[in-house]
Amino acid sequence: DPKQDSLSFHGKTAFYDVKNSTLKIGGVPHIQSADAWIYPSTGDVLIKPGGVMDTIRNAKIVANITNKNHVINRATVAVKGKKEYSGKGFYEYNIADKNQEIAFNHIEGMPVGKGKRSKKKMVTRAKGEVQEIDNFYIDRKTKFQGTISLDAESVNLFFDGFAQFDSPLLPRKKWFAVKSEGDKENLVISYDAPKSIQGVPLSTGLFISKETARVYPNIMMTASKRDRAILDVKGAFKYDH
């Protein structure tokens, strides 16, 4: 099929069924599609009539083939050609003693950008959702709920949702909006003017109470309209033990 862009791969054995027009290939180490290596768990690949490759299950995806930034396990993959594939799978995101996975339900490797298809660069991108009930941590003391995106050209994932600090020193914890890249090995999340899930502006810094004239710290919390900000902080946060 010319739409498959001359897809090719190696195998150790092959059985061609003339009656059913199928080709069963064994001992396939990996298949390159777009910017990724796709590893069939059994090494078996089935080519159906018309050159259509059967869905590969329980595979491993490594993207991209140059930097090997990301590994997606237990993937279900539809290889559409040399430059395009799609699927879903699980991304390991372990933090300290927490063994976690992100379910990427939308994984696509394809040519991106402007111009002719033959000249476009190929990129793997994936997206998944985590909910509050998942109790998901993006670092040792920061919970997250929302959308997590992957771009194989970057070592970092992208977080678009709400985070919450897990600290006994913060009795009134708020979920605050985040929209930033983050490296789980050294997570630094940038912020400017975050809001709560309800859309209420949240503040971080030092404030002076109008009632008591005492200075108090505020960390991703709603500031009283009567209190005055002495030091209103914006920038980035990271965990410091």
C-alpha atoms as a PDB file:
ATOM      1  CA  ASP A   1       0.000   0.000   0.000  1.00  0.00           C
ATOM      2  CA  PRO A   2       1.703   3.253  -1.109  1.00  0.00           C
ATOM      3  CA  LYS A   3       0.120   5.067   1.853  1.00  0.00           C
ATOM      4  CA  GLN A   4       2.344   3.020   4.156  1.00  0.00           C
ATOM      5  CA  ASP A   5       5.455   4.859   2.898  1.00  0.00           C
ATOM      6  CA  SER A   6       7.456   1.686   2.190  1.00  0.00           C
ATOM      7  CA  LEU A   7       7.179   0.295   5.715  1.00  0.00           C
ATOM      8  CA  SER A   8       9.820  -2.403   6.305  1.00  0.00           C
ATOM      9  CA  PHE A   9      11.136  -4.475   9.216  1.00  0.00           C
ATOM     10  CA  HIS A  10      13.102  -7.659   9.904  1.00  0.00           C
ATOM     11  CA  GLY A  11      11.964 -11.091  11.065  1.00  0.00           C
ATOM     12  CA  LYS A  12      13.425 -14.571  11.488  1.00  0.00           C
ATOM     13  CA  THR A  13      10.558 -16.681  10.114  1.00  0.00           C
ATOM     14  CA  ALA A  14       7.674 -16.137   7.687  1.00  0.00           C
ATOM     15  CA  PHE A  15       4.658 -18.164   6.605  1.00  0.00           C
ATOM     16  CA  TYR A  16       2.638 -16.995   3.628  1.00  0.00           C
ATOM     17  CA  ASP A  17      -0.902 -18.303   3.406  1.00  0.00           C
ATOM     18  CA  VAL A  18      -1.841 -18.113  -0.292  1.00  0.00           C
ATOM     19  CA  LYS A  19      -5.471 -19.007   0.320  1.00  0.00           C
ATOM     20  CA  ASN A  20      -6.078 -16.269   2.902  1.00  0.00           C
ATOM     21  CA  SER A  21      -3.470 -13.796   1.597  1.00  0.00           C
ATOM     22  CA  THR A  22      -1.861 -13.436   5.021  1.00  0.00           C
ATOM     23  CA  LEU A  23       1.763 -13.290   6.047  1.00  0.00           C
ATOM     24  CA  LYS A  24       2.737 -14.477   9.551  1.00  0.00           C
ATOM     25  CA  ILE A  25       6.171 -13.277  10.593  1.00  0.00           C
ATOM     26  CA  GLY A  26       8.031 -14.431  13.709  1.00  0.00           C
ATOM     27  CA  GLY A  27      11.117 -13.202  15.517  1.00  0.00           C
ATOM     28  CA  VAL A  28      10.483  -9.509  14.819  1.00  0.00           C
ATOM     29  CA  PRO A  29      12.785  -7.529  17.163  1.00  0.00           C
ATOM     30  CA  HIS A  30      11.106  -4.176  16.565  1.00  0.00           C
ATOM     31  CA  ILE A  31       9.301  -2.046  14.002  1.00  0.00           C
ATOM     32  CA  GLN A  32      10.188   1.557  13.295  1.00  0.00           C
ATOM     33  CA  SER A  33       7.188   3.790  12.685  1.00  0.00           C
ATOM     34  CA  ALA A  34       7.306   7.598  12.777  1.00  0.00           C
ATOM     35  CA  ASP A  35      10.000   8.458  15.371  1.00  0.00           C
ATOM     36  CA  ALA A  36       9.504   5.365  17.562  1.00  0.00           C
ATOM     37  CA  TRP A  37      10.599   1.780  18.007  1.00  0.00           C
ATOM     38  CA  ILE A  38       7.666  -0.594  18.577  1.00  0.00           C
ATOM     39  CA  TYR A  39       8.596  -3.892  20.236  1.00  0.00           C
ATOM     40  CA  PRO A  40       6.055  -6.760  19.856  1.00  0.00           C
ATOM     41  CA  SER A  41       6.035  -8.793  23.087  1.00  0.00           C
ATOM     42  CA  THR A  42       5.986 -12.155  21.269  1.00  0.00           C
ATOM     43  CA  GLY A  43       7.940 -11.044  18.215  1.00  0.00           C
ATOM     44  CA  ASP A  44       5.005 -12.099  16.038  1.00  0.00           C
ATOM     45  CA  VAL A  45       3.431  -9.893  13.372  1.00  0.00           C
ATOM     46  CA  LEU A  46       0.483 -10.655  11.091  1.00  0.00           C
ATOM     47  CA  ILE A  47       0.057  -8.912   7.740  1.00  0.00           C
ATOM     48  CA  LYS A  48      -3.485  -9.164   6.386  1.00  0.00           C
ATOM     49  CA  PRO A  49      -4.784  -8.675   2.828  1.00  0.00           C
ATOM     50  CA  GLY A  50      -3.937  -5.294   1.347  1.00  0.00           C
ATOM     51  CA  GLY A  51      -0.792  -4.985   3.457  1.00  0.00           C
ATOM     52  CA  VAL A  52      -2.722  -4.109   6.623  1.00  0.00           C
ATOM     53  CA  MET A  53      -0.783  -4.996   9.768  1.00  0.00           C
ATOM     54  CA  ASP A  54      -2.818  -6.630  12.520  1.00  0.00           C
ATOM     55  CA  THR A  55      -3.027  -4.723  15.823  1.00  0.00           C
ATOM     56  CA  ILE A  56       0.000  -5.382  18.025  1.00  0.00           C
ATOM     57  CA  ARG A  57      -0.901  -6.002  21.661  1.00  0.00           C
ATOM     58  CA  ASN A  58       1.158  -5.840  24.849  1.00  0.00           C
ATOM     59  CA  ALA A  59       3.924  -4.015  22.987  1.00  0.00           C
ATOM     60  CA  LYS A  60       6.560  -1.571  24.181  1.00  0.00           C
ATOM     61  CA  ILE A  61       6.993   1.835  22.549  1.00  0.00           C
ATOM     62  CA  VAL A  62      10.285   3.722  22.811  1.00  0.00           C
ATOM     63  CA  ALA A  63      10.180   7.314  21.571  1.00  0.00           C
ATOM     64  CA  ASN A  64      11.994   8.745  20.034  1.00  0.00           C
ATOM     65  CA  ILE A  65      14.647   6.519  18.504  1.00  0.00           C
ATOM     66  CA  THR A  66      17.327   9.189  18.965  1.00  0.00           C
ATOM     67  CA  ASN A  67      16.942  10.351  22.560  1.00  0.00           C
ATOM     68  CA  LYS A  68      14.872   7.426  23.957  1.00  0.00           C
ATOM     69  CA  ASN A  69      13.232   9.877  26.371  1.00  0.00           C
ATOM     70  CA  HIS A  70      10.026   7.919  26.880  1.00  0.00           C
ATOM     71  CA  VAL A  71       8.937   4.290  27.259  1.00  0.00           C
ATOM     72  CA  ILE A  72       5.285   3.226  27.089  1.00  0.00           C
ATOM     73  CA  ASN A  73       4.500  -0.322  28.229  1.00  0.00           C
ATOM     74  CA  ARG A  74       1.602  -2.736  27.681  1.00  0.00           C
ATOM     75  CA  ALA A  75       0.677  -0.813  24.568  1.00  0.00           C
ATOM     76  CA  THR A  76      -1.918  -1.647  21.952  1.00  0.00           C
ATOM     77  CA  VAL A  77      -0.566  -0.343  18.653  1.00  0.00           C
ATOM     78  CA  ALA A  78      -1.913   0.051  15.130  1.00  0.00           C
ATOM     79  CA  VAL A  79       1.032   0.506  12.755  1.00  0.00           C
ATOM     80  CA  LYS A  80      -0.346   2.414   9.780  1.00  0.00           C
ATOM     81  CA  GLY A  81       2.909   2.842   7.905  1.00  0.00           C
ATOM     82  CA  LYS A  82       6.515   3.908   8.114  1.00  0.00           C
ATOM     83  CA  LYS A  83       5.504   7.412   9.181  1.00  0.00           C
ATOM     84  CA  GLU A  84       2.358   6.858  11.213  1.00  0.00           C
ATOM     85  CA  TYR A  85       1.027   4.758  14.078  1.00  0.00           C
ATOM     86  CA  SER A  86      -1.524   5.120  16.877  1.00  0.00           C
ATOM     87  CA  GLY A  87      -2.380   3.340  20.078  1.00  0.00           C
ATOM     88  CA  LYS A  88      -2.720   3.413  23.833  1.00  0.00           C
ATOM     89  CA  GLY A  89      -0.569   2.217  26.710  1.00  0.00           C
ATOM     90  CA  PHE A  90       0.848   2.851  30.163  1.00  0.00           C
ATOM     91  CA  TYR A  91       3.651   5.243  31.098  1.00  0.00           C
ATOM     92  CA  GLU A  92       5.647   4.513  34.253  1.00  0.00           C
ATOM     93  CA  TYR A  93       5.819   7.493  36.622  1.00  0.00           C
ATOM     94  CA  ASN A  94       7.303   6.283  39.904  1.00  0.00           C
ATOM     95  CA  ILE A  95       7.941   8.811  42.678  1.00  0.00           C
ATOM     96  CA  ALA A  96       9.998   7.691  45.706  1.00  0.00           C
ATOM     97  CA  ASP A  97       8.048   4.719  47.135  1.00  0.00           C
ATOM     98  CA  LYS A  98       4.985   5.347  44.957  1.00  0.00           C
ATOM     99  CA  ASN A  99       4.641   3.053  41.938  1.00  0.00           C
ATOM    100  CA  GLN A 100       2.410   4.915  39.485  1.00  0.00           C
ATOM    101  CA  GLU A 101       1.331   4.727  35.866  1.00  0.00           C
ATOM    102  CA  ILE A 102      -0.254   7.190  33.476  1.00  0.00           C
ATOM    103  CA  ALA A 103      -2.792   5.650  31.110  1.00  0.00           C
ATOM    104  CA  PHE A 104      -2.112   7.294  27.757  1.00  0.00           C
ATOM    105  CA  ASN A 105      -5.309   6.579  25.830  1.00  0.00           C
ATOM    106  CA  HIS A 106      -4.302   8.722  22.857  1.00  0.00           C
ATOM    107  CA  ILE A 107      -0.865   7.970  21.393  1.00  0.00           C
ATOM    108  CA  GLU A 108      -0.005   9.099  17.887  1.00  0.00           C
ATOM    109  CA  GLY A 109       3.175   9.110  15.860  1.00  0.00           C
ATOM    110  CA  MET A 110       2.873  11.098  12.671  1.00  0.00           C
ATOM    111  CA  PRO A 111       4.413  13.767  10.430  1.00  0.00           C
ATOM    112  CA  VAL A 112       3.857  17.252  11.836  1.00  0.00           C
ATOM    113  CA  GLY A 113       4.360  20.805  10.606  1.00  0.00           C
ATOM    114  CA  LYS A 114       3.877  22.542   7.293  1.00  0.00           C
ATOM    115  CA  GLY A 115       5.031  21.525   3.851  1.00  0.00           C
ATOM    116  CA  LYS A 116       5.159  18.267   1.935  1.00  0.00           C
ATOM    117  CA  ARG A 117       4.541  15.066   3.864  1.00  0.00           C
ATOM    118  CA  SER A 118       7.908  13.680   2.761  1.00  0.00           C
ATOM    119  CA  LYS A 119       9.689  16.667   4.313  1.00  0.00           C
ATOM    120  CA  LYS A 120       7.826  16.850   7.627  1.00  0.00           C
ATOM    121  CA  LYS A 121       9.455  15.710  10.845  1.00  0.00           C
ATOM    122  CA  MET A 122       7.838  12.775  12.633  1.00  0.00           C
ATOM    123  CA  VAL A 123       6.868  13.106  16.277  1.00  0.00           C
ATOM    124  CA  THR A 124       5.192  10.872  18.846  1.00  0.00           C
ATOM    125  CA  ARG A 125       2.664  12.616  21.059  1.00  0.00           C
ATOM    126  CA  ALA A 126       0.444  11.178  23.776  1.00  0.00           C
ATOM    127  CA  LYS A 127      -2.199  12.393  26.192  1.00  0.00           C
ATOM    128  CA  GLY A 128      -3.830  10.972  29.296  1.00  0.00           C
ATOM    129  CA  GLU A 129      -6.033  11.998  32.206  1.00  0.00           C
ATOM    130  CA  VAL A 130      -5.660  11.472  35.957  1.00  0.00           C
ATOM    131  CA  GLN A 131      -8.446  12.234  38.405  1.00  0.00           C
ATOM    132  CA  GLU A 132      -8.502  13.209  42.074  1.00  0.00           C
ATOM    133  CA  ILE A 133      -9.565   9.690  43.021  1.00  0.00           C
ATOM    134  CA  ASP A 134      -6.332   8.349  41.476  1.00  0.00           C
ATOM    135  CA  ASN A 135      -4.267  10.021  44.247  1.00  0.00           C
ATOM    136  CA  PHE A 136      -1.536  10.751  41.686  1.00  0.00           C
ATOM    137  CA  TYR A 137       1.707  12.518  42.679  1.00  0.00           C
ATOM    138  CA  ILE A 138       3.909  14.488  40.299  1.00  0.00           C
ATOM    139  CA  ASP A 139       6.597  14.764  42.965  1.00  0.00           C
ATOM    140  CA  ARG A 140       7.072  13.609  46.569  1.00  0.00           C
ATOM    141  CA  LYS A 141       4.691  16.177  48.065  1.00  0.00           C
ATOM    142  CA  THR A 142       2.538  17.389  45.185  1.00  0.00           C
ATOM    143  CA  LYS A 143      -0.681  15.754  44.022  1.00  0.00           C
ATOM    144  CA  PHE A 144      -2.109  16.348  40.565  1.00  0.00           C
ATOM    145  CA  GLN A 145      -5.333  15.923  38.640  1.00  0.00           C
ATOM    146  CA  GLY A 146      -5.867  16.855  35.009  1.00  0.00           C
ATOM    147  CA  THR A 147      -4.269  16.233  31.614  1.00  0.00           C
ATOM    148  CA  ILE A 148      -0.713  14.960  31.167  1.00  0.00           C
ATOM    149  CA  SER A 149       0.833  15.222  27.708  1.00  0.00           C
ATOM    150  CA  LEU A 150       3.954  13.746  26.156  1.00  0.00           C
ATOM    151  CA  ASP A 151       6.011  15.046  23.254  1.00  0.00           C
ATOM    152  CA  ALA A 152       8.835  12.655  22.390  1.00  0.00           C
ATOM    153  CA  GLU A 153      11.157  15.522  21.438  1.00  0.00           C
ATOM    154  CA  SER A 154      11.147  16.730  25.058  1.00  0.00           C
ATOM    155  CA  VAL A 155      12.374  14.854  28.137  1.00  0.00           C
ATOM    156  CA  ASN A 156       9.652  16.557  30.196  1.00  0.00           C
ATOM    157  CA  LEU A 157       5.935  15.878  30.394  1.00  0.00           C
ATOM    158  CA  PHE A 158       3.397  18.712  30.248  1.00  0.00           C
ATOM    159  CA  PHE A 159       0.858  19.161  33.057  1.00  0.00           C
ATOM    160  CA  ASP A 160      -2.412  21.008  32.507  1.00  0.00           C
ATOM    161  CA  GLY A 161      -4.739  20.778  35.468  1.00  0.00           C
ATOM    162  CA  PHE A 162      -4.648  21.291  39.220  1.00  0.00           C
ATOM    163  CA  ALA A 163      -2.043  20.529  41.870  1.00  0.00           C
ATOM    164  CA  GLN A 164      -2.220  20.340  45.648  1.00  0.00           C
ATOM    165  CA  PHE A 165       0.576  20.404  48.234  1.00  0.00           C
ATOM    166  CA  ASP A 166       0.590  17.398  50.568  1.00  0.00           C
ATOM    167  CA  SER A 167       1.870  19.002  53.766  1.00  0.00           C
ATOM    168  CA  PRO A 168       0.627  18.925  57.385  1.00  0.00           C
ATOM    169  CA  LEU A 169       1.737  22.566  57.668  1.00  0.00           C
ATOM    170  CA  LEU A 170      -1.036  23.551  55.262  1.00  0.00           C
ATOM    171  CA  PRO A 171      -4.298  22.724  57.059  1.00  0.00           C
ATOM    172  CA  ARG A 172      -6.517  24.302  54.377  1.00  0.00           C
ATOM    173  CA  LYS A 173      -5.103  22.785  51.209  1.00  0.00           C
ATOM    174  CA  LYS A 174      -6.359  24.152  47.895  1.00  0.00           C
ATOM    175  CA  TRP A 175      -6.170  22.676  44.422  1.00  0.00           C
ATOM    176  CA  PHE A 176      -4.459  25.323  42.281  1.00  0.00           C
ATOM    177  CA  ALA A 177      -4.200  25.575  38.515  1.00  0.00           C
ATOM    178  CA  VAL A 178      -0.946  24.582  36.816  1.00  0.00           C
ATOM    179  CA  LYS A 179      -0.015  24.655  33.154  1.00  0.00           C
ATOM    180  CA  SER A 180       3.654  23.861  32.838  1.00  0.00           C
ATOM    181  CA  GLU A 181       6.307  21.370  31.796  1.00  0.00           C
ATOM    182  CA  GLY A 182       7.819  19.308  34.589  1.00  0.00           C
ATOM    183  CA  ASP A 183      10.686  16.837  35.015  1.00  0.00           C
ATOM    184  CA  LYS A 184       9.836  14.194  37.612  1.00  0.00           C
ATOM    185  CA  GLU A 185      13.529  13.827  38.487  1.00  0.00           C
ATOM    186  CA  ASN A 186      13.714  17.517  39.404  1.00  0.00           C
ATOM    187  CA  LEU A 187      10.199  18.901  39.263  1.00  0.00           C
ATOM    188  CA  VAL A 188       9.935  22.665  38.917  1.00  0.00           C
ATOM    189  CA  ILE A 189       6.469  23.997  38.084  1.00  0.00           C
ATOM    190  CA  SER A 190       6.105  27.587  36.941  1.00  0.00           C
ATOM    191  CA  TYR A 191       3.082  29.662  37.897  1.00  0.00           C
ATOM    192  CA  ASP A 192       1.851  33.216  37.495  1.00  0.00           C
ATOM    193  CA  ALA A 193      -1.673  33.897  38.707  1.00  0.00           C
ATOM    194  CA  PRO A 194      -3.135  30.511  39.691  1.00  0.00           C
ATOM    195  CA  LYS A 195      -6.782  29.933  40.461  1.00  0.00           C
ATOM    196  CA  SER A 196      -8.653  27.281  42.400  1.00  0.00           C
ATOM    197  CA  ILE A 197     -10.880  24.665  40.748  1.00  0.00           C
ATOM    198  CA  GLN A 198     -13.769  27.052  41.409  1.00  0.00           C
ATOM    199  CA  GLY A 199     -11.921  29.820  39.540  1.00  0.00           C
ATOM    200  CA  VAL A 200     -11.065  31.850  42.653  1.00  0.00           C
ATOM    201  CA  PRO A 201      -7.656  33.630  42.499  1.00  0.00           C
ATOM    202  CA  LEU A 202      -5.036  32.190  44.869  1.00  0.00           C
ATOM    203  CA  SER A 203      -2.052  33.979  46.362  1.00  0.00           C
ATOM    204  CA  THR A 204       1.391  33.077  47.651  1.00  0.00           C
ATOM    205  CA  GLY A 205       3.568  35.366  49.734  1.00  0.00           C
ATOM    206  CA  LEU A 206       3.575  37.441  52.926  1.00  0.00           C
ATOM    207  CA  PHE A 207       0.461  39.319  53.977  1.00  0.00           C
ATOM    208  CA  ILE A 208      -0.424  41.636  56.849  1.00  0.00           C
ATOM    209  CA  SER A 209      -3.712  41.155  58.649  1.00  0.00           C
ATOM    210  CA  LYS A 210      -5.881  44.254  58.866  1.00  0.00           C
ATOM    211  CA  GLU A 211      -7.502  42.992  62.063  1.00  0.00           C
ATOM    212  CA  THR A 212      -4.379  41.966  64.035  1.00  0.00           C
ATOM    213  CA  ALA A 213      -1.588  43.812  62.162  1.00  0.00           C
ATOM    214  CA  ARG A 214       0.367  40.545  62.180  1.00  0.00           C
ATOM    215  CA  VAL A 215       2.314  39.276  59.176  1.00  0.00           C
ATOM    216  CA  TYR A 216       1.407  35.774  57.990  1.00  0.00           C
ATOM    217  CA  PRO A 217       2.451  33.515  55.090  1.00  0.00           C
ATOM    218  CA  ASN A 218       0.017  32.476  52.404  1.00  0.00           C
ATOM    219  CA  ILE A 219       0.754  29.496  50.130  1.00  0.00           C
ATOM    220  CA  MET A 220      -1.633  28.911  47.226  1.00  0.00           C
ATOM    221  CA  MET A 221      -4.552  30.101  49.335  1.00  0.00           C
ATOM    222  CA  THR A 222      -7.342  32.640  49.071  1.00  0.00           C
ATOM    223  CA  ALA A 223      -6.190  35.937  50.533  1.00  0.00           C
ATOM    224  CA  SER A 224      -8.594  38.073  52.487  1.00  0.00           C
ATOM    225  CA  LYS A 225      -9.612  41.168  50.562  1.00  0.00           C
ATOM    226  CA  ARG A 226      -9.043  43.219  53.724  1.00  0.00           C
ATOM    227  CA  ASP A 227      -5.451  42.062  54.157  1.00  0.00           C
ATOM    228  CA  ARG A 228      -2.524  43.680  52.413  1.00  0.00           C
ATOM    229  CA  ALA A 229       0.194  41.886  50.449  1.00  0.00           C
ATOM    230  CA  ILE A 230       3.711  42.733  51.591  1.00  0.00           C
ATOM    231  CA  LEU A 231       5.375  40.285  49.235  1.00  0.00           C
ATOM    232  CA  ASP A 232       3.224  38.790  46.480  1.00  0.00           C
ATOM    233  CA  VAL A 233       5.223  35.917  44.995  1.00  0.00           C
ATOM    234  CA  LYS A 234       5.149  34.535  41.443  1.00  0.00           C
ATOM    235  CA  GLY A 235       7.577  32.280  39.630  1.00  0.00           C
ATOM    236  CA  ALA A 236       8.089  28.560  40.272  1.00  0.00           C
ATOM    237  CA  PHE A 237       7.818  25.984  43.006  1.00  0.00           C
ATOM    238  CA  LYS A 238       9.838  22.851  43.742  1.00  0.00           C
ATOM    239  CA  TYR A 239      10.006  20.424  46.654  1.00  0.00           C
ATOM    240  CA  ASP A 240      12.716  21.049  49.265  1.00  0.00           C
ATOM    241  CA  HIS A 241      12.856  18.484  52.057  1.00  0.00           C
END
